[in-house]
Amino acid sequence: MEYPQINIKLLSEEDRELVKQAKQRAEDLRLTFKEFVLDCIRNALVEESPNSADSATAAEIEALKVQIAALSEKVSIPSATKTEVHTLQERVNQLRVGISNEIKKDREQLASLALALSRLESQIEQLVPSLNLQVDGEVNSNSDGDWLFGEDSGAELPLT
């Protein structure tokens, strides 16, 4: 299947300026240049009267409308300006850095908590052997069975 193609040479400065303005207008409307040109052709065909001597026949106009509709379906890819894409890229990078910083903070907090837990476990392990615990209902060798005395720690802990 052959696809129609339009090749136009624009030799005058006025024509080049017109294309420049059309491209800017297409960007303002968030259309590709191709979409914009097709819309202009479509609008011109709708405004054109098929009864005038210089115009194409109604059948040719309908055929062109069908071709334009087919091309429009193929050109339905959304477009964005370079500025919009650049802004989105910057925002994504900012979010990536923010997330990385939050992860780093969380890791630092977890490391700090793990260190604190490790220190607590170590201190508990040091306290356990120094306590004279009651075993199987027997009271330790101290005369006061309600209190446990740690010889190394110097602390008195009530037995509950």
C-alpha atoms as a PDB file:
ATOM      1  CA  MET A   1       0.000   0.000   0.000  1.00  0.00           C
ATOM      2  CA  GLU A   2       1.324   3.421  -0.935  1.00  0.00           C
ATOM      3  CA  TYR A   3       1.172   6.206   1.580  1.00  0.00           C
ATOM      4  CA  PRO A   4       0.702   9.733   0.305  1.00  0.00           C
ATOM      5  CA  GLN A   5       3.603  12.093   0.779  1.00  0.00           C
ATOM      6  CA  ILE A   6       3.809  15.840   0.391  1.00  0.00           C
ATOM      7  CA  ASN A   7       7.104  17.418  -0.676  1.00  0.00           C
ATOM      8  CA  ILE A   8       7.071  21.185  -1.022  1.00  0.00           C
ATOM      9  CA  LYS A   9      10.069  23.397  -1.776  1.00  0.00           C
ATOM     10  CA  LEU A  10       9.882  26.743  -0.085  1.00  0.00           C
ATOM     11  CA  LEU A  11      12.269  29.068  -1.821  1.00  0.00           C
ATOM     12  CA  SER A  12      11.220  32.480  -0.563  1.00  0.00           C
ATOM     13  CA  GLU A  13      12.011  33.945   2.826  1.00  0.00           C
ATOM     14  CA  GLU A  14       8.290  34.606   3.276  1.00  0.00           C
ATOM     15  CA  ASP A  15       7.503  30.892   2.827  1.00  0.00           C
ATOM     16  CA  ARG A  16      10.215  29.873   5.298  1.00  0.00           C
ATOM     17  CA  GLU A  17       8.867  32.376   7.826  1.00  0.00           C
ATOM     18  CA  LEU A  18       5.370  30.954   7.321  1.00  0.00           C
ATOM     19  CA  VAL A  19       6.665  27.434   8.080  1.00  0.00           C
ATOM     20  CA  LYS A  20       8.462  28.743  11.166  1.00  0.00           C
ATOM     21  CA  GLN A  21       5.239  30.350  12.404  1.00  0.00           C
ATOM     22  CA  ALA A  22       3.288  27.166  11.640  1.00  0.00           C
ATOM     23  CA  LYS A  23       5.776  25.067  13.624  1.00  0.00           C
ATOM     24  CA  GLN A  24       5.505  27.459  16.575  1.00  0.00           C
ATOM     25  CA  ARG A  25       1.702  27.367  16.397  1.00  0.00           C
ATOM     26  CA  ALA A  26       1.780  23.552  16.292  1.00  0.00           C
ATOM     27  CA  GLU A  27       4.014  23.510  19.370  1.00  0.00           C
ATOM     28  CA  ASP A  28       1.660  25.933  21.150  1.00  0.00           C
ATOM     29  CA  LEU A  29      -1.248  23.602  20.368  1.00  0.00           C
ATOM     30  CA  ARG A  30       0.851  20.598  21.461  1.00  0.00           C
ATOM     31  CA  LEU A  31       0.593  19.060  18.022  1.00  0.00           C
ATOM     32  CA  THR A  32       3.264  17.685  15.777  1.00  0.00           C
ATOM     33  CA  PHE A  33       3.931  19.718  12.667  1.00  0.00           C
ATOM     34  CA  LYS A  34       2.438  16.913  10.609  1.00  0.00           C
ATOM     35  CA  GLU A  35      -0.771  16.945  12.672  1.00  0.00           C
ATOM     36  CA  PHE A  36      -0.972  20.714  12.351  1.00  0.00           C
ATOM     37  CA  VAL A  37      -0.574  20.651   8.553  1.00  0.00           C
ATOM     38  CA  LEU A  38      -3.194  17.917   8.232  1.00  0.00           C
ATOM     39  CA  ASP A  39      -5.611  19.945  10.359  1.00  0.00           C
ATOM     40  CA  CYS A  40      -5.011  22.992   8.159  1.00  0.00           C
ATOM     41  CA  ILE A  41      -5.685  20.940   5.020  1.00  0.00           C
ATOM     42  CA  ARG A  42      -8.804  19.465   6.597  1.00  0.00           C
ATOM     43  CA  ASN A  43     -10.086  22.906   7.593  1.00  0.00           C
ATOM     44  CA  ALA A  44      -9.359  24.315   4.153  1.00  0.00           C
ATOM     45  CA  LEU A  45     -11.274  21.470   2.521  1.00  0.00           C
ATOM     46  CA  VAL A  46     -14.270  22.020   4.756  1.00  0.00           C
ATOM     47  CA  GLU A  47     -14.299  25.743   3.969  1.00  0.00           C
ATOM     48  CA  GLU A  48     -13.833  25.167   0.240  1.00  0.00           C
ATOM     49  CA  SER A  49     -17.019  25.123  -1.794  1.00  0.00           C
ATOM     50  CA  PRO A  50     -17.199  22.170  -4.225  1.00  0.00           C
ATOM     51  CA  ASN A  51     -19.248  24.298  -6.674  1.00  0.00           C
ATOM     52  CA  SER A  52     -16.482  26.757  -7.542  1.00  0.00           C
ATOM     53  CA  ALA A  53     -14.764  26.375 -10.922  1.00  0.00           C
ATOM     54  CA  ASP A  54     -11.239  26.075  -9.481  1.00  0.00           C
ATOM     55  CA  SER A  55     -12.039  23.540  -6.769  1.00  0.00           C
ATOM     56  CA  ALA A  56     -11.859  19.763  -6.910  1.00  0.00           C
ATOM     57  CA  THR A  57     -14.961  17.680  -7.330  1.00  0.00           C
ATOM     58  CA  ALA A  58     -16.963  16.554  -4.314  1.00  0.00           C
ATOM     59  CA  ALA A  59     -15.768  12.965  -4.840  1.00  0.00           C
ATOM     60  CA  GLU A  60     -12.116  14.058  -4.797  1.00  0.00           C
ATOM     61  CA  ILE A  61     -12.716  16.058  -1.645  1.00  0.00           C
ATOM     62  CA  GLU A  62     -14.342  13.069   0.052  1.00  0.00           C
ATOM     63  CA  ALA A  63     -11.422  10.870  -1.033  1.00  0.00           C
ATOM     64  CA  LEU A  64      -8.989  13.395   0.444  1.00  0.00           C
ATOM     65  CA  LYS A  65     -10.996  13.509   3.669  1.00  0.00           C
ATOM     66  CA  VAL A  66     -10.771   9.718   3.937  1.00  0.00           C
ATOM     67  CA  GLN A  67      -7.011   9.850   3.355  1.00  0.00           C
ATOM     68  CA  ILE A  68      -6.635  12.625   5.918  1.00  0.00           C
ATOM     69  CA  ALA A  69      -8.653  10.626   8.462  1.00  0.00           C
ATOM     70  CA  ALA A  70      -6.434   7.584   7.831  1.00  0.00           C
ATOM     71  CA  LEU A  71      -3.305   9.704   8.291  1.00  0.00           C
ATOM     72  CA  SER A  72      -4.714  11.288  11.437  1.00  0.00           C
ATOM     73  CA  GLU A  73      -5.163   7.861  12.999  1.00  0.00           C
ATOM     74  CA  LYS A  74      -1.511   7.047  12.315  1.00  0.00           C
ATOM     75  CA  VAL A  75      -0.371  10.353  13.818  1.00  0.00           C
ATOM     76  CA  SER A  76      -2.159   9.941  17.131  1.00  0.00           C
ATOM     77  CA  ILE A  77       1.095   9.730  19.091  1.00  0.00           C
ATOM     78  CA  PRO A  78       1.052  12.309  21.915  1.00  0.00           C
ATOM     79  CA  SER A  79       3.744  14.930  21.709  1.00  0.00           C
ATOM     80  CA  ALA A  80       5.455  17.198  24.188  1.00  0.00           C
ATOM     81  CA  THR A  81       7.715  20.178  23.817  1.00  0.00           C
ATOM     82  CA  LYS A  82      11.417  19.954  24.587  1.00  0.00           C
ATOM     83  CA  THR A  83      10.861  22.232  27.578  1.00  0.00           C
ATOM     84  CA  GLU A  84       8.164  19.935  28.974  1.00  0.00           C
ATOM     85  CA  VAL A  85      10.350  16.864  28.536  1.00  0.00           C
ATOM     86  CA  HIS A  86      13.325  18.632  30.133  1.00  0.00           C
ATOM     87  CA  THR A  87      11.155  19.741  33.070  1.00  0.00           C
ATOM     88  CA  LEU A  88       9.894  16.196  33.560  1.00  0.00           C
ATOM     89  CA  GLN A  89      13.446  14.819  33.437  1.00  0.00           C
ATOM     90  CA  GLU A  90      14.567  17.332  36.069  1.00  0.00           C
ATOM     91  CA  ARG A  91      11.614  16.434  38.301  1.00  0.00           C
ATOM     92  CA  VAL A  92      12.343  12.700  37.967  1.00  0.00           C
ATOM     93  CA  ASN A  93      16.000  13.329  38.867  1.00  0.00           C
ATOM     94  CA  GLN A  94      14.958  15.411  41.899  1.00  0.00           C
ATOM     95  CA  LEU A  95      12.635  12.630  43.055  1.00  0.00           C
ATOM     96  CA  ARG A  96      15.374  10.030  42.530  1.00  0.00           C
ATOM     97  CA  VAL A  97      17.829  12.071  44.647  1.00  0.00           C
ATOM     98  CA  GLY A  98      15.177  12.644  47.320  1.00  0.00           C
ATOM     99  CA  ILE A  99      14.362   8.952  47.519  1.00  0.00           C
ATOM    100  CA  SER A 100      18.064   8.059  47.683  1.00  0.00           C
ATOM    101  CA  ASN A 101      18.550  10.525  50.534  1.00  0.00           C
ATOM    102  CA  GLU A 102      15.564   9.101  52.418  1.00  0.00           C
ATOM    103  CA  ILE A 103      16.880   5.570  51.954  1.00  0.00           C
ATOM    104  CA  LYS A 104      20.298   6.704  53.201  1.00  0.00           C
ATOM    105  CA  LYS A 105      18.702   8.304  56.278  1.00  0.00           C
ATOM    106  CA  ASP A 106      16.666   5.164  56.940  1.00  0.00           C
ATOM    107  CA  ARG A 107      19.784   3.001  56.624  1.00  0.00           C
ATOM    108  CA  GLU A 108      21.670   5.290  59.006  1.00  0.00           C
ATOM    109  CA  GLN A 109      18.805   5.141  61.502  1.00  0.00           C
ATOM    110  CA  LEU A 110      18.632   1.346  61.206  1.00  0.00           C
ATOM    111  CA  ALA A 111      22.389   1.098  61.698  1.00  0.00           C
ATOM    112  CA  SER A 112      22.134   3.354  64.749  1.00  0.00           C
ATOM    113  CA  LEU A 113      19.289   1.269  66.187  1.00  0.00           C
ATOM    114  CA  ALA A 114      21.152  -1.963  65.496  1.00  0.00           C
ATOM    115  CA  LEU A 115      24.220  -0.577  67.275  1.00  0.00           C
ATOM    116  CA  ALA A 116      22.112   0.502  70.262  1.00  0.00           C
ATOM    117  CA  LEU A 117      20.489  -2.948  70.449  1.00  0.00           C
ATOM    118  CA  SER A 118      23.889  -4.585  70.241  1.00  0.00           C
ATOM    119  CA  ARG A 119      25.153  -2.446  73.130  1.00  0.00           C
ATOM    120  CA  LEU A 120      22.074  -3.293  75.209  1.00  0.00           C
ATOM    121  CA  GLU A 121      22.524  -7.005  74.531  1.00  0.00           C
ATOM    122  CA  SER A 122      26.167  -6.749  75.497  1.00  0.00           C
ATOM    123  CA  GLN A 123      25.316  -4.981  78.759  1.00  0.00           C
ATOM    124  CA  ILE A 124      22.615  -7.544  79.535  1.00  0.00           C
ATOM    125  CA  GLU A 125      25.084 -10.374  78.891  1.00  0.00           C
ATOM    126  CA  GLN A 126      27.524  -8.745  81.308  1.00  0.00           C
ATOM    127  CA  LEU A 127      24.848  -8.457  84.001  1.00  0.00           C
ATOM    128  CA  VAL A 128      23.526 -12.020  83.736  1.00  0.00           C
ATOM    129  CA  PRO A 129      26.658 -13.918  84.881  1.00  0.00           C
ATOM    130  CA  SER A 130      27.241 -11.513  87.776  1.00  0.00           C
ATOM    131  CA  LEU A 131      23.779 -12.168  89.270  1.00  0.00           C
ATOM    132  CA  ASN A 132      23.284 -14.960  91.783  1.00  0.00           C
ATOM    133  CA  LEU A 133      19.994 -16.312  90.534  1.00  0.00           C
ATOM    134  CA  GLN A 134      17.622 -18.552  92.424  1.00  0.00           C
ATOM    135  CA  VAL A 135      17.636 -22.010  90.856  1.00  0.00           C
ATOM    136  CA  ASP A 136      14.842 -24.602  91.313  1.00  0.00           C
ATOM    137  CA  GLY A 137      13.366 -22.926  94.371  1.00  0.00           C
ATOM    138  CA  GLU A 138      16.641 -22.846  96.285  1.00  0.00           C
ATOM    139  CA  VAL A 139      17.711 -19.575  97.753  1.00  0.00           C
ATOM    140  CA  ASN A 140      21.226 -18.451  96.948  1.00  0.00           C
ATOM    141  CA  SER A 141      23.943 -18.507  99.545  1.00  0.00           C
ATOM    142  CA  ASN A 142      23.160 -14.949 100.687  1.00  0.00           C
ATOM    143  CA  SER A 143      21.249 -14.676 103.923  1.00  0.00           C
ATOM    144  CA  ASP A 144      18.632 -12.301 102.427  1.00  0.00           C
ATOM    145  CA  GLY A 145      16.667 -14.302  99.824  1.00  0.00           C
ATOM    146  CA  ASP A 146      14.566 -11.322  98.661  1.00  0.00           C
ATOM    147  CA  TRP A 147      17.505  -9.475  97.137  1.00  0.00           C
ATOM    148  CA  LEU A 148      20.076 -10.557  94.636  1.00  0.00           C
ATOM    149  CA  PHE A 149      23.516  -9.112  95.006  1.00  0.00           C
ATOM    150  CA  GLY A 150      25.955  -8.936  92.200  1.00  0.00           C
ATOM    151  CA  GLU A 151      29.464  -8.980  93.495  1.00  0.00           C
ATOM    152  CA  ASP A 152      30.925  -7.288  90.438  1.00  0.00           C
ATOM    153  CA  SER A 153      28.144  -4.856  89.685  1.00  0.00           C
ATOM    154  CA  GLY A 154      27.493  -3.499  93.178  1.00  0.00           C
ATOM    155  CA  ALA A 155      23.785  -3.184  92.279  1.00  0.00           C
ATOM    156  CA  GLU A 156      20.883  -4.564  94.227  1.00  0.00           C
ATOM    157  CA  LEU A 157      17.956  -5.903  92.226  1.00  0.00           C
ATOM    158  CA  PRO A 158      14.633  -6.925  93.851  1.00  0.00           C
ATOM    159  CA  LEU A 159      13.392 -10.412  93.082  1.00  0.00           C
ATOM    160  CA  THR A 160       9.833 -10.278  91.763  1.00  0.00           C
END
